[in-house]
Amino acid sequence: MGKDKKIKLDPNMQISDLIDTYPQLVDVLTEDYEFHCVNCLFSGFDNLIEGAGLHGIEGEDFQDMVEHLESILNDSEDDIDAE
């Protein structure tokens, strides 16, 4: 993916869809943000913003988390493009 096509996460994306689409985020979500729900039944019911809110991640902290996740995705895409 070129530098002009960066991945942007939709805060309304279901957690289950997020981990199906971007499995490389599972470890980051569980270890850095304590999103143990990625392996839970509730991942099919909550979207990213709702799940974050349940874990006390809101406002600027939520935006920082999304930016962190997007940077991981975009760095991995840049690595693929370089090959």
Protein backbone atom coordinates (compact mmCIF):
# COMPACT_ATOMS: atom_id res chain seq x y z
CA MET A 1 0.00 0.00 0.00
CA GLY A 2 1.42 3.35 -0.97
CA LYS A 3 2.11 6.17 1.40
CA ASP A 4 -0.98 8.02 0.15
CA LYS A 5 -3.31 5.16 1.18
CA LYS A 6 -2.92 4.85 4.92
CA ILE A 7 -5.21 2.55 6.88
CA LYS A 8 -7.70 4.46 9.02
CA LEU A 9 -9.65 2.50 11.63
CA ASP A 10 -13.38 3.04 12.00
CA PRO A 11 -14.23 3.41 15.73
CA ASN A 12 -17.61 1.84 14.96
CA MET A 13 -16.05 -1.37 13.62
CA GLN A 14 -17.05 -4.46 15.60
CA ILE A 15 -14.12 -5.80 17.63
CA SER A 16 -14.61 -9.24 16.06
CA ASP A 17 -14.38 -7.70 12.56
CA LEU A 18 -11.32 -5.69 13.60
CA ILE A 19 -9.43 -8.78 14.76
CA ASP A 20 -10.54 -10.79 11.72
CA THR A 21 -9.31 -8.03 9.40
CA TYR A 22 -6.18 -7.11 11.38
CA PRO A 23 -5.10 -10.15 13.43
CA GLN A 24 -1.71 -8.49 14.03
CA LEU A 25 -3.48 -6.17 16.51
CA VAL A 26 -4.62 -8.93 18.88
CA ASP A 27 -1.45 -8.95 20.99
CA VAL A 28 -1.34 -5.15 21.18
CA LEU A 29 -5.01 -4.93 22.17
CA THR A 30 -4.66 -7.56 24.88
CA GLU A 31 -1.23 -6.62 26.24
CA ASP A 32 -1.21 -2.82 25.91
CA TYR A 33 -4.91 -2.05 26.37
CA GLU A 34 -6.19 -5.11 28.31
CA PHE A 35 -8.77 -5.89 25.61
CA HIS A 36 -9.12 -9.52 26.63
CA CYS A 37 -12.52 -9.39 24.96
CA VAL A 38 -10.83 -10.04 21.60
CA ASN A 39 -11.11 -13.72 22.48
CA CYS A 40 -14.54 -13.35 24.09
CA LEU A 41 -18.14 -13.65 22.98
CA PHE A 42 -18.62 -9.91 23.49
CA SER A 43 -16.23 -9.09 20.66
CA GLY A 44 -19.15 -9.72 18.32
CA PHE A 45 -21.35 -7.21 20.10
CA ASP A 46 -19.10 -4.27 20.97
CA ASN A 47 -17.45 -1.95 18.53
CA LEU A 48 -14.01 -0.45 19.13
CA ILE A 49 -15.24 2.72 20.83
CA GLU A 50 -17.68 0.83 23.08
CA GLY A 51 -15.06 -1.74 24.05
CA ALA A 52 -12.56 0.98 24.82
CA GLY A 53 -15.13 2.77 26.97
CA LEU A 54 -15.72 -0.42 28.95
CA HIS A 55 -11.99 -0.42 29.68
CA GLY A 56 -11.93 3.26 30.66
CA ILE A 57 -10.25 4.37 27.44
CA GLU A 58 -12.08 7.49 26.30
CA GLY A 59 -11.52 10.90 24.77
CA GLU A 60 -7.87 11.71 24.08
CA ASP A 61 -6.77 8.29 25.40
CA PHE A 62 -9.04 6.63 22.83
CA GLN A 63 -7.65 8.79 20.03
CA ASP A 64 -4.10 7.93 21.13
CA MET A 65 -4.97 4.22 21.11
CA VAL A 66 -6.46 4.42 17.60
CA GLU A 67 -3.41 6.33 16.33
CA HIS A 68 -1.14 3.70 17.90
CA LEU A 69 -3.07 0.86 16.25
CA GLU A 70 -3.10 2.66 12.89
CA SER A 71 0.64 3.27 13.11
CA ILE A 72 1.20 -0.45 13.65
CA LEU A 73 -0.96 -1.29 10.64
CA ASN A 74 0.61 1.33 8.42
CA ASP A 75 4.16 0.44 9.44
CA SER A 76 3.49 -3.20 8.58
CA GLU A 77 1.99 -2.13 5.21
CA ASP A 78 5.06 0.01 4.49
CA ASP A 79 7.27 -3.00 5.26
CA ILE A 80 5.30 -5.11 2.76
CA ASP A 81 5.57 -2.39 0.09
CA ALA A 82 9.34 -2.23 0.54
CA GLU A 83 9.74 -5.89 -0.38
